[in-house]
Amino acid sequence: MPAINDQALDQLFREARTFNHYTDEPVAESDLHAIWDLMKMAPTSANQMPARLVWCVSQESKAKLAACATGTNGEKILAAPVSVVIGMDTEFHEYLPELFPHVDAKSWFTGNAELRQASAFRNSTLQGAYFIMAARALGLGTGPMSGFDAGAVDKAFFADQPSVHANFISTLGHGDVSTLHERLPRPAFEKFNRIA
């Protein structure tokens, strides 16, 4: 498989930024579908796919989500074209006969709530990262955040799905590059890595 070119690497990693402000350019519903169609193809353990997304596009739904946020996150949620709840379904194993049909993977998790919780958190976090990368690949920006009351988000958005819980939130739109601050430092390989 050939390496992707420098322009793509810049867009996905080297020049990509986290956004707190967006332009007025709208995000179409087709963009949301396009993000999902990319992120769903990325790997999760045993194809678990525990992420459950709520795409808040109306002011009403964004206001409901903003009410669950802390600090200035509420303002960011309200101002963004779209705000997204990345949730995790701890009963993801119920779908494994469909998503991982060649072995009885459901039995690995049946009766083991602790394992399901750990797997749902780990793999929905992966899917949240894939969401960010898919959005970048499609020319959109994101603003992931963890400053919110998870219980309040669960009550507001997942009351009818008691096995689904909020993992994190992200805003989504066409990032306003004029509002970006200087890029924060990134460490050299030797600082946080070792080859064993």
N, C-alpha and C. Protein backbone atom coordinates (compact mmCIF):
# COMPACT_ATOMS: atom_id res chain seq x y z
N MET A 1 0.85 -1.18 0.00
CA MET A 1 0.00 0.00 0.00
C MET A 1 0.89 1.24 0.00
N PRO A 2 0.73 2.13 -0.94
CA PRO A 2 1.59 3.33 -0.99
C PRO A 2 1.22 4.33 0.09
N ALA A 3 2.21 5.11 0.53
CA ALA A 3 1.96 6.19 1.49
C ALA A 3 1.13 7.28 0.83
N ILE A 4 0.26 7.92 1.61
CA ILE A 4 -0.48 9.06 1.08
C ILE A 4 0.46 10.25 0.97
N ASN A 5 0.07 11.23 0.17
CA ASN A 5 0.99 12.33 -0.11
C ASN A 5 1.05 13.35 1.03
N ASP A 6 1.99 14.27 0.93
CA ASP A 6 2.21 15.25 1.99
C ASP A 6 1.01 16.16 2.21
N GLN A 7 0.29 16.48 1.14
CA GLN A 7 -0.89 17.33 1.29
C GLN A 7 -1.92 16.65 2.19
N ALA A 8 -2.14 15.37 1.97
CA ALA A 8 -3.09 14.62 2.80
C ALA A 8 -2.59 14.51 4.24
N LEU A 9 -1.30 14.25 4.42
CA LEU A 9 -0.74 14.16 5.76
C LEU A 9 -0.86 15.49 6.50
N ASP A 10 -0.65 16.59 5.79
CA ASP A 10 -0.81 17.91 6.40
C ASP A 10 -2.25 18.13 6.84
N GLN A 11 -3.20 17.78 5.97
CA GLN A 11 -4.62 18.01 6.28
C GLN A 11 -5.09 17.16 7.45
N LEU A 12 -4.59 15.95 7.54
CA LEU A 12 -5.03 15.04 8.61
C LEU A 12 -4.28 15.25 9.91
N PHE A 13 -2.99 15.61 9.83
CA PHE A 13 -2.17 15.63 11.03
C PHE A 13 -1.39 16.93 11.22
N ARG A 14 -0.44 17.21 10.34
CA ARG A 14 0.56 18.23 10.62
C ARG A 14 0.00 19.64 10.67
N GLU A 15 -0.97 19.95 9.80
CA GLU A 15 -1.55 21.29 9.78
C GLU A 15 -2.96 21.32 10.40
N ALA A 16 -3.50 20.18 10.75
CA ALA A 16 -4.85 20.12 11.31
C ALA A 16 -4.88 20.75 12.70
N ARG A 17 -5.98 21.37 13.03
CA ARG A 17 -6.11 22.05 14.32
C ARG A 17 -7.45 21.73 14.97
N THR A 18 -7.53 21.99 16.26
CA THR A 18 -8.79 21.91 16.99
C THR A 18 -9.43 23.30 16.96
N PHE A 19 -10.72 23.34 16.66
CA PHE A 19 -11.39 24.63 16.48
C PHE A 19 -12.38 24.92 17.61
N ASN A 20 -12.37 26.19 18.03
CA ASN A 20 -13.38 26.71 18.95
C ASN A 20 -14.36 27.63 18.24
N HIS A 21 -14.01 28.03 17.01
CA HIS A 21 -14.84 28.95 16.25
C HIS A 21 -14.94 28.45 14.81
N TYR A 22 -16.10 28.71 14.19
CA TYR A 22 -16.37 28.23 12.85
C TYR A 22 -16.89 29.36 11.97
N THR A 23 -16.74 29.18 10.66
CA THR A 23 -17.31 30.14 9.72
C THR A 23 -18.82 29.91 9.62
N ASP A 24 -19.47 30.76 8.85
CA ASP A 24 -20.92 30.64 8.65
C ASP A 24 -21.28 29.60 7.60
N GLU A 25 -20.28 29.00 6.97
CA GLU A 25 -20.57 28.00 5.94
C GLU A 25 -21.32 26.82 6.56
N PRO A 26 -22.46 26.45 6.02
CA PRO A 26 -23.25 25.38 6.65
C PRO A 26 -22.63 24.00 6.46
N VAL A 27 -23.02 23.11 7.34
CA VAL A 27 -22.67 21.69 7.25
C VAL A 27 -23.94 20.96 6.83
N ALA A 28 -23.90 20.29 5.70
CA ALA A 28 -25.08 19.60 5.17
C ALA A 28 -25.26 18.25 5.85
N GLU A 29 -26.49 17.77 5.86
CA GLU A 29 -26.75 16.43 6.40
C GLU A 29 -25.95 15.38 5.64
N SER A 30 -25.73 15.62 4.36
CA SER A 30 -24.92 14.68 3.59
C SER A 30 -23.48 14.61 4.11
N ASP A 31 -22.99 15.71 4.69
CA ASP A 31 -21.65 15.69 5.30
C ASP A 31 -21.62 14.76 6.51
N LEU A 32 -22.68 14.75 7.28
CA LEU A 32 -22.75 13.88 8.46
C LEU A 32 -22.73 12.42 8.02
N HIS A 33 -23.49 12.13 6.99
CA HIS A 33 -23.50 10.76 6.46
C HIS A 33 -22.13 10.38 5.91
N ALA A 34 -21.47 11.34 5.26
CA ALA A 34 -20.15 11.06 4.69
C ALA A 34 -19.12 10.77 5.79
N ILE A 35 -19.21 11.51 6.89
CA ILE A 35 -18.31 11.25 8.03
C ILE A 35 -18.55 9.84 8.55
N TRP A 36 -19.82 9.50 8.78
CA TRP A 36 -20.13 8.16 9.29
C TRP A 36 -19.66 7.07 8.32
N ASP A 37 -19.85 7.29 7.03
CA ASP A 37 -19.48 6.28 6.06
C ASP A 37 -17.98 6.04 6.01
N LEU A 38 -17.19 7.03 6.42
CA LEU A 38 -15.74 6.83 6.54
C LEU A 38 -15.39 6.19 7.88
N MET A 39 -15.90 6.75 8.96
CA MET A 39 -15.46 6.30 10.29
C MET A 39 -15.91 4.87 10.59
N LYS A 40 -17.01 4.45 10.00
CA LYS A 40 -17.49 3.09 10.27
C LYS A 40 -16.57 2.02 9.67
N MET A 41 -15.72 2.42 8.73
CA MET A 41 -14.83 1.47 8.09
C MET A 41 -13.54 1.24 8.88
N ALA A 42 -13.28 2.07 9.86
CA ALA A 42 -12.04 1.96 10.63
C ALA A 42 -12.18 0.87 11.70
N PRO A 43 -11.06 0.30 12.16
CA PRO A 43 -11.12 -0.88 13.02
C PRO A 43 -11.55 -0.62 14.45
N THR A 44 -12.35 -1.54 14.98
CA THR A 44 -12.60 -1.67 16.41
C THR A 44 -12.42 -3.15 16.74
N SER A 45 -12.20 -3.43 18.01
CA SER A 45 -11.97 -4.81 18.43
C SER A 45 -13.18 -5.67 18.10
N ALA A 46 -12.95 -6.75 17.35
CA ALA A 46 -14.02 -7.67 16.94
C ALA A 46 -15.18 -6.92 16.28
N ASN A 47 -14.86 -5.81 15.60
CA ASN A 47 -15.87 -5.01 14.91
C ASN A 47 -17.03 -4.63 15.83
N GLN A 48 -16.69 -4.30 17.08
CA GLN A 48 -17.72 -4.01 18.09
C GLN A 48 -18.56 -2.78 17.74
N MET A 49 -17.94 -1.73 17.25
CA MET A 49 -18.63 -0.49 16.88
C MET A 49 -19.62 -0.04 17.96
N PRO A 50 -19.16 0.22 19.19
CA PRO A 50 -20.08 0.60 20.26
C PRO A 50 -20.50 2.07 20.24
N ALA A 51 -19.88 2.89 19.39
CA ALA A 51 -20.22 4.31 19.40
C ALA A 51 -21.65 4.54 18.93
N ARG A 52 -22.34 5.44 19.62
CA ARG A 52 -23.68 5.87 19.23
C ARG A 52 -23.65 7.39 19.18
N LEU A 53 -23.84 7.97 18.01
CA LEU A 53 -23.69 9.41 17.83
C LEU A 53 -25.04 10.11 17.78
N VAL A 54 -25.09 11.27 18.42
CA VAL A 54 -26.23 12.17 18.30
C VAL A 54 -25.70 13.45 17.67
N TRP A 55 -26.19 13.75 16.48
CA TRP A 55 -25.75 14.92 15.72
C TRP A 55 -26.72 16.06 16.03
N CYS A 56 -26.32 17.00 16.83
CA CYS A 56 -27.19 18.12 17.22
C CYS A 56 -27.06 19.23 16.17
N VAL A 57 -28.08 19.35 15.34
CA VAL A 57 -28.05 20.35 14.29
C VAL A 57 -29.05 21.48 14.55
N SER A 58 -30.10 21.23 15.29
CA SER A 58 -31.08 22.27 15.59
C SER A 58 -30.61 23.07 16.79
N GLN A 59 -31.05 24.31 16.87
CA GLN A 59 -30.70 25.15 18.03
C GLN A 59 -31.28 24.55 19.30
N GLU A 60 -32.44 23.91 19.18
CA GLU A 60 -33.07 23.29 20.34
C GLU A 60 -32.19 22.17 20.91
N SER A 61 -31.70 21.31 20.05
CA SER A 61 -30.87 20.21 20.54
C SER A 61 -29.52 20.71 21.03
N LYS A 62 -28.96 21.72 20.37
CA LYS A 62 -27.70 22.29 20.84
C LYS A 62 -27.87 22.97 22.20
N ALA A 63 -29.01 23.62 22.40
CA ALA A 63 -29.27 24.25 23.70
C ALA A 63 -29.40 23.20 24.79
N LYS A 64 -30.03 22.09 24.47
CA LYS A 64 -30.16 21.00 25.45
C LYS A 64 -28.78 20.45 25.82
N LEU A 65 -27.91 20.32 24.82
CA LEU A 65 -26.56 19.83 25.08
C LEU A 65 -25.73 20.88 25.82
N ALA A 66 -25.85 22.12 25.42
CA ALA A 66 -25.08 23.20 26.07
C ALA A 66 -25.41 23.30 27.55
N ALA A 67 -26.65 23.01 27.91
CA ALA A 67 -27.06 23.07 29.32
C ALA A 67 -26.33 22.03 30.16
N CYS A 68 -25.76 21.01 29.52
CA CYS A 68 -25.02 19.95 30.22
C CYS A 68 -23.53 20.24 30.31
N ALA A 69 -23.08 21.30 29.64
CA ALA A 69 -21.65 21.58 29.53
C ALA A 69 -21.18 22.46 30.67
N THR A 70 -19.87 22.47 30.88
CA THR A 70 -19.25 23.30 31.92
C THR A 70 -18.37 24.36 31.27
N GLY A 71 -18.08 25.40 32.04
CA GLY A 71 -17.20 26.46 31.55
C GLY A 71 -17.75 27.12 30.31
N THR A 72 -16.85 27.37 29.36
CA THR A 72 -17.25 28.03 28.11
C THR A 72 -17.70 27.03 27.04
N ASN A 73 -17.74 25.76 27.40
CA ASN A 73 -18.12 24.76 26.40
C ASN A 73 -19.55 24.94 25.90
N GLY A 74 -20.43 25.41 26.76
CA GLY A 74 -21.81 25.64 26.34
C GLY A 74 -21.89 26.65 25.21
N GLU A 75 -21.12 27.73 25.32
CA GLU A 75 -21.11 28.74 24.27
C GLU A 75 -20.59 28.15 22.96
N LYS A 76 -19.55 27.31 23.05
CA LYS A 76 -18.99 26.70 21.84
C LYS A 76 -20.01 25.78 21.18
N ILE A 77 -20.73 25.02 21.98
CA ILE A 77 -21.75 24.10 21.46
C ILE A 77 -22.84 24.88 20.73
N LEU A 78 -23.29 25.97 21.33
CA LEU A 78 -24.37 26.77 20.73
C LEU A 78 -23.94 27.44 19.44
N ALA A 79 -22.68 27.87 19.37
CA ALA A 79 -22.21 28.64 18.22
C ALA A 79 -21.82 27.76 17.04
N ALA A 80 -21.52 26.50 17.28
CA ALA A 80 -21.06 25.62 16.21
C ALA A 80 -22.21 25.23 15.28
N PRO A 81 -21.93 25.03 14.00
CA PRO A 81 -22.97 24.57 13.09
C PRO A 81 -23.58 23.24 13.53
N VAL A 82 -22.75 22.33 14.03
CA VAL A 82 -23.20 21.03 14.52
C VAL A 82 -22.41 20.71 15.78
N SER A 83 -23.08 20.11 16.75
CA SER A 83 -22.41 19.57 17.93
C SER A 83 -22.80 18.11 18.05
N VAL A 84 -21.83 17.28 18.40
CA VAL A 84 -22.02 15.84 18.33
C VAL A 84 -21.73 15.20 19.68
N VAL A 85 -22.65 14.35 20.14
CA VAL A 85 -22.41 13.53 21.31
C VAL A 85 -21.88 12.18 20.82
N ILE A 86 -20.69 11.82 21.25
CA ILE A 86 -20.17 10.49 20.96
C ILE A 86 -20.45 9.64 22.19
N GLY A 87 -21.44 8.78 22.06
CA GLY A 87 -21.83 7.91 23.16
C GLY A 87 -21.29 6.51 22.97
N MET A 88 -21.49 5.68 24.00
CA MET A 88 -21.02 4.29 23.92
C MET A 88 -22.11 3.37 24.45
N ASP A 89 -22.35 2.31 23.71
CA ASP A 89 -23.37 1.35 24.07
C ASP A 89 -22.71 0.16 24.77
N THR A 90 -23.01 -0.01 26.06
CA THR A 90 -22.40 -1.12 26.81
C THR A 90 -23.08 -2.46 26.50
N GLU A 91 -24.12 -2.41 25.69
CA GLU A 91 -24.77 -3.64 25.22
C GLU A 91 -24.43 -3.89 23.75
N PHE A 92 -23.28 -3.40 23.33
CA PHE A 92 -22.85 -3.55 21.94
C PHE A 92 -22.79 -5.00 21.51
N HIS A 93 -22.58 -5.90 22.48
CA HIS A 93 -22.40 -7.31 22.13
C HIS A 93 -23.65 -7.92 21.50
N GLU A 94 -24.81 -7.30 21.73
CA GLU A 94 -26.04 -7.80 21.13
C GLU A 94 -25.99 -7.73 19.60
N TYR A 95 -25.14 -6.86 19.06
CA TYR A 95 -25.05 -6.70 17.60
C TYR A 95 -23.92 -7.54 16.99
N LEU A 96 -23.13 -8.21 17.82
CA LEU A 96 -21.99 -8.95 17.30
C LEU A 96 -22.37 -10.11 16.37
N PRO A 97 -23.51 -10.79 16.58
CA PRO A 97 -23.88 -11.81 15.59
C PRO A 97 -24.00 -11.25 14.17
N GLU A 98 -24.37 -9.98 14.05
CA GLU A 98 -24.46 -9.32 12.75
C GLU A 98 -23.11 -8.76 12.32
N LEU A 99 -22.38 -8.12 13.25
CA LEU A 99 -21.17 -7.40 12.90
C LEU A 99 -19.92 -8.27 12.88
N PHE A 100 -19.94 -9.40 13.60
CA PHE A 100 -18.78 -10.30 13.68
C PHE A 100 -19.29 -11.73 13.63
N PRO A 101 -19.89 -12.13 12.48
CA PRO A 101 -20.70 -13.35 12.44
C PRO A 101 -19.94 -14.67 12.37
N HIS A 102 -18.65 -14.65 12.13
CA HIS A 102 -17.95 -15.91 11.88
C HIS A 102 -17.58 -16.68 13.15
N VAL A 103 -17.70 -16.02 14.32
CA VAL A 103 -17.54 -16.73 15.60
C VAL A 103 -18.60 -16.21 16.56
N ASP A 104 -18.80 -16.92 17.66
CA ASP A 104 -19.79 -16.50 18.66
C ASP A 104 -19.16 -15.48 19.61
N ALA A 105 -18.89 -14.27 19.08
CA ALA A 105 -18.24 -13.23 19.87
C ALA A 105 -19.17 -12.69 20.96
N LYS A 106 -20.46 -12.77 20.75
CA LYS A 106 -21.40 -12.29 21.77
C LYS A 106 -21.17 -12.99 23.10
N SER A 107 -20.86 -14.28 23.06
CA SER A 107 -20.68 -15.04 24.30
C SER A 107 -19.48 -14.57 25.11
N TRP A 108 -18.52 -13.90 24.47
CA TRP A 108 -17.36 -13.39 25.19
C TRP A 108 -17.75 -12.33 26.21
N PHE A 109 -18.85 -11.64 25.93
CA PHE A 109 -19.25 -10.49 26.75
C PHE A 109 -20.51 -10.72 27.57
N THR A 110 -21.28 -11.74 27.24
CA THR A 110 -22.52 -12.02 27.96
C THR A 110 -22.21 -12.31 29.42
N GLY A 111 -22.88 -11.60 30.31
CA GLY A 111 -22.69 -11.80 31.74
C GLY A 111 -21.46 -11.15 32.32
N ASN A 112 -20.74 -10.35 31.52
CA ASN A 112 -19.52 -9.70 32.01
C ASN A 112 -19.62 -8.20 31.76
N ALA A 113 -20.33 -7.52 32.65
CA ALA A 113 -20.58 -6.09 32.48
C ALA A 113 -19.29 -5.28 32.54
N GLU A 114 -18.34 -5.72 33.37
CA GLU A 114 -17.08 -4.99 33.50
C GLU A 114 -16.30 -5.01 32.18
N LEU A 115 -16.25 -6.16 31.53
CA LEU A 115 -15.56 -6.26 30.25
C LEU A 115 -16.28 -5.44 29.18
N ARG A 116 -17.61 -5.48 29.19
CA ARG A 116 -18.36 -4.68 28.20
C ARG A 116 -18.10 -3.19 28.40
N GLN A 117 -18.08 -2.73 29.64
CA GLN A 117 -17.82 -1.32 29.92
C GLN A 117 -16.45 -0.91 29.41
N ALA A 118 -15.43 -1.70 29.72
CA ALA A 118 -14.08 -1.37 29.28
C ALA A 118 -13.98 -1.38 27.76
N SER A 119 -14.59 -2.38 27.13
CA SER A 119 -14.53 -2.48 25.68
C SER A 119 -15.31 -1.37 25.00
N ALA A 120 -16.48 -1.03 25.55
CA ALA A 120 -17.28 0.04 24.97
C ALA A 120 -16.55 1.37 25.06
N PHE A 121 -15.92 1.62 26.21
CA PHE A 121 -15.19 2.89 26.37
C PHE A 121 -14.00 2.95 25.41
N ARG A 122 -13.21 1.90 25.40
CA ARG A 122 -12.01 1.90 24.55
C ARG A 122 -12.36 2.06 23.07
N ASN A 123 -13.32 1.27 22.61
CA ASN A 123 -13.61 1.26 21.18
C ASN A 123 -14.45 2.44 20.73
N SER A 124 -15.30 2.98 21.59
CA SER A 124 -16.03 4.19 21.20
C SER A 124 -15.09 5.39 21.19
N THR A 125 -14.07 5.37 22.04
CA THR A 125 -13.06 6.42 22.00
C THR A 125 -12.29 6.36 20.68
N LEU A 126 -11.94 5.14 20.27
CA LEU A 126 -11.32 4.97 18.95
C LEU A 126 -12.23 5.53 17.86
N GLN A 127 -13.51 5.20 17.92
CA GLN A 127 -14.43 5.67 16.90
C GLN A 127 -14.57 7.19 16.94
N GLY A 128 -14.48 7.77 18.13
CA GLY A 128 -14.49 9.23 18.22
C GLY A 128 -13.28 9.84 17.54
N ALA A 129 -12.13 9.19 17.67
CA ALA A 129 -10.93 9.66 16.96
C ALA A 129 -11.11 9.51 15.45
N TYR A 130 -11.73 8.41 15.04
CA TYR A 130 -11.99 8.23 13.61
C TYR A 130 -12.96 9.32 13.10
N PHE A 131 -13.93 9.70 13.93
CA PHE A 131 -14.83 10.80 13.58
C PHE A 131 -14.03 12.07 13.28
N ILE A 132 -13.07 12.38 14.15
CA ILE A 132 -12.25 13.58 13.96
C ILE A 132 -11.47 13.49 12.66
N MET A 133 -10.85 12.34 12.40
CA MET A 133 -10.03 12.19 11.20
C MET A 133 -10.89 12.19 9.94
N ALA A 134 -12.08 11.59 10.01
CA ALA A 134 -12.98 11.60 8.85
C ALA A 134 -13.42 13.03 8.53
N ALA A 135 -13.75 13.79 9.57
CA ALA A 135 -14.16 15.17 9.37
C ALA A 135 -13.02 15.96 8.72
N ARG A 136 -11.80 15.78 9.21
CA ARG A 136 -10.64 16.47 8.62
C ARG A 136 -10.45 16.07 7.16
N ALA A 137 -10.60 14.79 6.88
CA ALA A 137 -10.42 14.31 5.52
C ALA A 137 -11.42 14.94 4.57
N LEU A 138 -12.59 15.30 5.08
CA LEU A 138 -13.65 15.89 4.26
C LEU A 138 -13.63 17.42 4.29
N GLY A 139 -12.59 17.99 4.88
CA GLY A 139 -12.44 19.44 4.89
C GLY A 139 -13.15 20.15 6.01
N LEU A 140 -13.56 19.43 7.03
CA LEU A 140 -14.26 20.01 8.18
C LEU A 140 -13.35 20.03 9.39
N GLY A 141 -13.70 20.86 10.37
CA GLY A 141 -12.95 20.95 11.61
C GLY A 141 -13.79 20.47 12.77
N THR A 142 -13.11 20.10 13.86
CA THR A 142 -13.79 19.63 15.05
C THR A 142 -13.22 20.31 16.29
N GLY A 143 -14.01 20.26 17.35
CA GLY A 143 -13.58 20.78 18.64
C GLY A 143 -13.99 19.82 19.75
N PRO A 144 -13.26 18.71 19.91
CA PRO A 144 -13.62 17.74 20.95
C PRO A 144 -13.47 18.31 22.35
N MET A 145 -14.34 17.88 23.26
CA MET A 145 -14.33 18.40 24.63
C MET A 145 -14.82 17.36 25.61
N SER A 146 -14.35 17.49 26.84
CA SER A 146 -14.81 16.58 27.90
C SER A 146 -15.38 17.33 29.09
N GLY A 147 -15.54 18.62 28.99
CA GLY A 147 -16.11 19.41 30.08
C GLY A 147 -17.63 19.41 30.02
N PHE A 148 -18.25 18.39 30.62
CA PHE A 148 -19.70 18.30 30.63
C PHE A 148 -20.12 17.32 31.72
N ASP A 149 -21.39 17.38 32.08
CA ASP A 149 -21.98 16.46 33.05
C ASP A 149 -22.49 15.25 32.29
N ALA A 150 -21.77 14.14 32.37
CA ALA A 150 -22.12 12.95 31.58
C ALA A 150 -23.50 12.42 31.95
N GLY A 151 -23.83 12.44 33.22
CA GLY A 151 -25.15 11.97 33.64
C GLY A 151 -26.26 12.82 33.05
N ALA A 152 -26.04 14.13 32.98
CA ALA A 152 -27.04 15.02 32.40
C ALA A 152 -27.19 14.77 30.91
N VAL A 153 -26.07 14.51 30.23
CA VAL A 153 -26.14 14.21 28.79
C VAL A 153 -26.89 12.90 28.57
N ASP A 154 -26.59 11.91 29.40
CA ASP A 154 -27.30 10.63 29.29
C ASP A 154 -28.81 10.83 29.45
N LYS A 155 -29.18 11.61 30.45
CA LYS A 155 -30.61 11.85 30.71
C LYS A 155 -31.26 12.62 29.56
N ALA A 156 -30.51 13.58 29.00
CA ALA A 156 -31.08 14.43 27.95
C ALA A 156 -31.18 13.72 26.61
N PHE A 157 -30.23 12.82 26.32
CA PHE A 157 -30.16 12.25 24.97
C PHE A 157 -30.30 10.74 24.90
N PHE A 158 -30.09 10.04 26.01
CA PHE A 158 -30.13 8.58 25.97
C PHE A 158 -31.10 7.97 26.98
N ALA A 159 -32.08 8.75 27.40
CA ALA A 159 -33.03 8.25 28.40
C ALA A 159 -33.77 7.02 27.90
N ASP A 160 -33.97 6.93 26.59
CA ASP A 160 -34.67 5.78 26.00
C ASP A 160 -33.72 4.64 25.66
N GLN A 161 -32.43 4.83 25.94
CA GLN A 161 -31.40 3.81 25.67
C GLN A 161 -30.51 3.67 26.91
N PRO A 162 -30.98 3.00 27.94
CA PRO A 162 -30.24 2.99 29.22
C PRO A 162 -28.87 2.35 29.16
N SER A 163 -28.56 1.63 28.10
CA SER A 163 -27.23 1.03 27.97
C SER A 163 -26.23 1.97 27.29
N VAL A 164 -26.70 3.14 26.84
CA VAL A 164 -25.83 4.09 26.14
C VAL A 164 -25.47 5.24 27.07
N HIS A 165 -24.18 5.58 27.08
CA HIS A 165 -23.66 6.63 27.96
C HIS A 165 -22.72 7.54 27.17
N ALA A 166 -22.70 8.80 27.55
CA ALA A 166 -21.85 9.77 26.87
C ALA A 166 -20.38 9.45 27.11
N ASN A 167 -19.58 9.53 26.05
CA ASN A 167 -18.13 9.41 26.15
C ASN A 167 -17.52 10.81 26.07
N PHE A 168 -17.71 11.49 24.94
CA PHE A 168 -17.27 12.89 24.85
C PHE A 168 -18.11 13.62 23.83
N ILE A 169 -17.88 14.91 23.73
CA ILE A 169 -18.64 15.80 22.84
C ILE A 169 -17.65 16.44 21.87
N SER A 170 -18.13 16.75 20.67
CA SER A 170 -17.32 17.53 19.74
C SER A 170 -18.19 18.49 18.96
N THR A 171 -17.66 19.68 18.72
CA THR A 171 -18.30 20.56 17.76
C THR A 171 -17.79 20.21 16.37
N LEU A 172 -18.50 20.69 15.36
CA LEU A 172 -18.18 20.32 13.97
C LEU A 172 -18.58 21.46 13.05
N GLY A 173 -17.71 21.78 12.12
CA GLY A 173 -18.03 22.81 11.14
C GLY A 173 -16.82 23.13 10.29
N HIS A 174 -16.91 24.23 9.55
CA HIS A 174 -15.78 24.72 8.78
C HIS A 174 -15.01 25.66 9.68
N GLY A 175 -13.83 25.22 10.11
CA GLY A 175 -13.08 25.96 11.11
C GLY A 175 -12.67 27.35 10.64
N ASP A 176 -12.76 28.30 11.57
CA ASP A 176 -12.34 29.68 11.30
C ASP A 176 -10.86 29.80 11.65
N VAL A 177 -10.01 29.72 10.64
CA VAL A 177 -8.56 29.71 10.89
C VAL A 177 -8.07 31.05 11.42
N SER A 178 -8.84 32.12 11.21
CA SER A 178 -8.40 33.44 11.68
C SER A 178 -8.41 33.53 13.20
N THR A 179 -9.07 32.60 13.88
CA THR A 179 -9.17 32.65 15.34
C THR A 179 -8.17 31.74 16.04
N LEU A 180 -7.33 31.05 15.28
CA LEU A 180 -6.42 30.08 15.87
C LEU A 180 -5.26 30.78 16.58
N HIS A 181 -4.87 30.23 17.71
CA HIS A 181 -3.68 30.69 18.42
C HIS A 181 -2.47 29.91 17.91
N GLU A 182 -1.31 30.29 18.39
CA GLU A 182 -0.10 29.58 17.98
C GLU A 182 -0.19 28.11 18.38
N ARG A 183 0.29 27.26 17.52
CA ARG A 183 0.21 25.83 17.77
C ARG A 183 1.00 25.45 19.03
N LEU A 184 0.38 24.61 19.85
CA LEU A 184 1.04 24.16 21.06
C LEU A 184 2.16 23.17 20.73
N PRO A 185 3.15 23.05 21.61
CA PRO A 185 4.30 22.20 21.29
C PRO A 185 3.95 20.73 21.23
N ARG A 186 4.73 20.00 20.45
CA ARG A 186 4.64 18.56 20.37
C ARG A 186 6.03 17.98 20.65
N PRO A 187 6.13 16.97 21.49
CA PRO A 187 7.44 16.47 21.89
C PRO A 187 8.11 15.62 20.81
N ALA A 188 9.42 15.57 20.88
CA ALA A 188 10.18 14.69 20.00
C ALA A 188 9.94 13.25 20.39
N PHE A 189 10.21 12.37 19.46
CA PHE A 189 10.01 10.93 19.67
C PHE A 189 10.63 10.45 20.98
N GLU A 190 11.85 10.90 21.26
CA GLU A 190 12.61 10.38 22.40
C GLU A 190 11.98 10.72 23.74
N LYS A 191 11.16 11.74 23.80
CA LYS A 191 10.62 12.20 25.09
C LYS A 191 9.63 11.20 25.69
N PHE A 192 8.73 10.66 24.88
CA PHE A 192 7.67 9.80 25.40
C PHE A 192 7.66 8.40 24.81
N ASN A 193 8.69 8.02 24.11
CA ASN A 193 8.73 6.73 23.45
C ASN A 193 10.01 5.99 23.80
N ARG A 194 9.92 4.69 23.73
CA ARG A 194 11.13 3.86 23.81
C ARG A 194 10.92 2.64 22.94
N ILE A 195 11.97 2.20 22.34
CA ILE A 195 11.94 1.00 21.52
C ILE A 195 12.50 -0.15 22.34
N ALA A 196 11.70 -1.16 22.57
CA ALA A 196 12.13 -2.27 23.44
C ALA A 196 12.61 -3.44 22.61
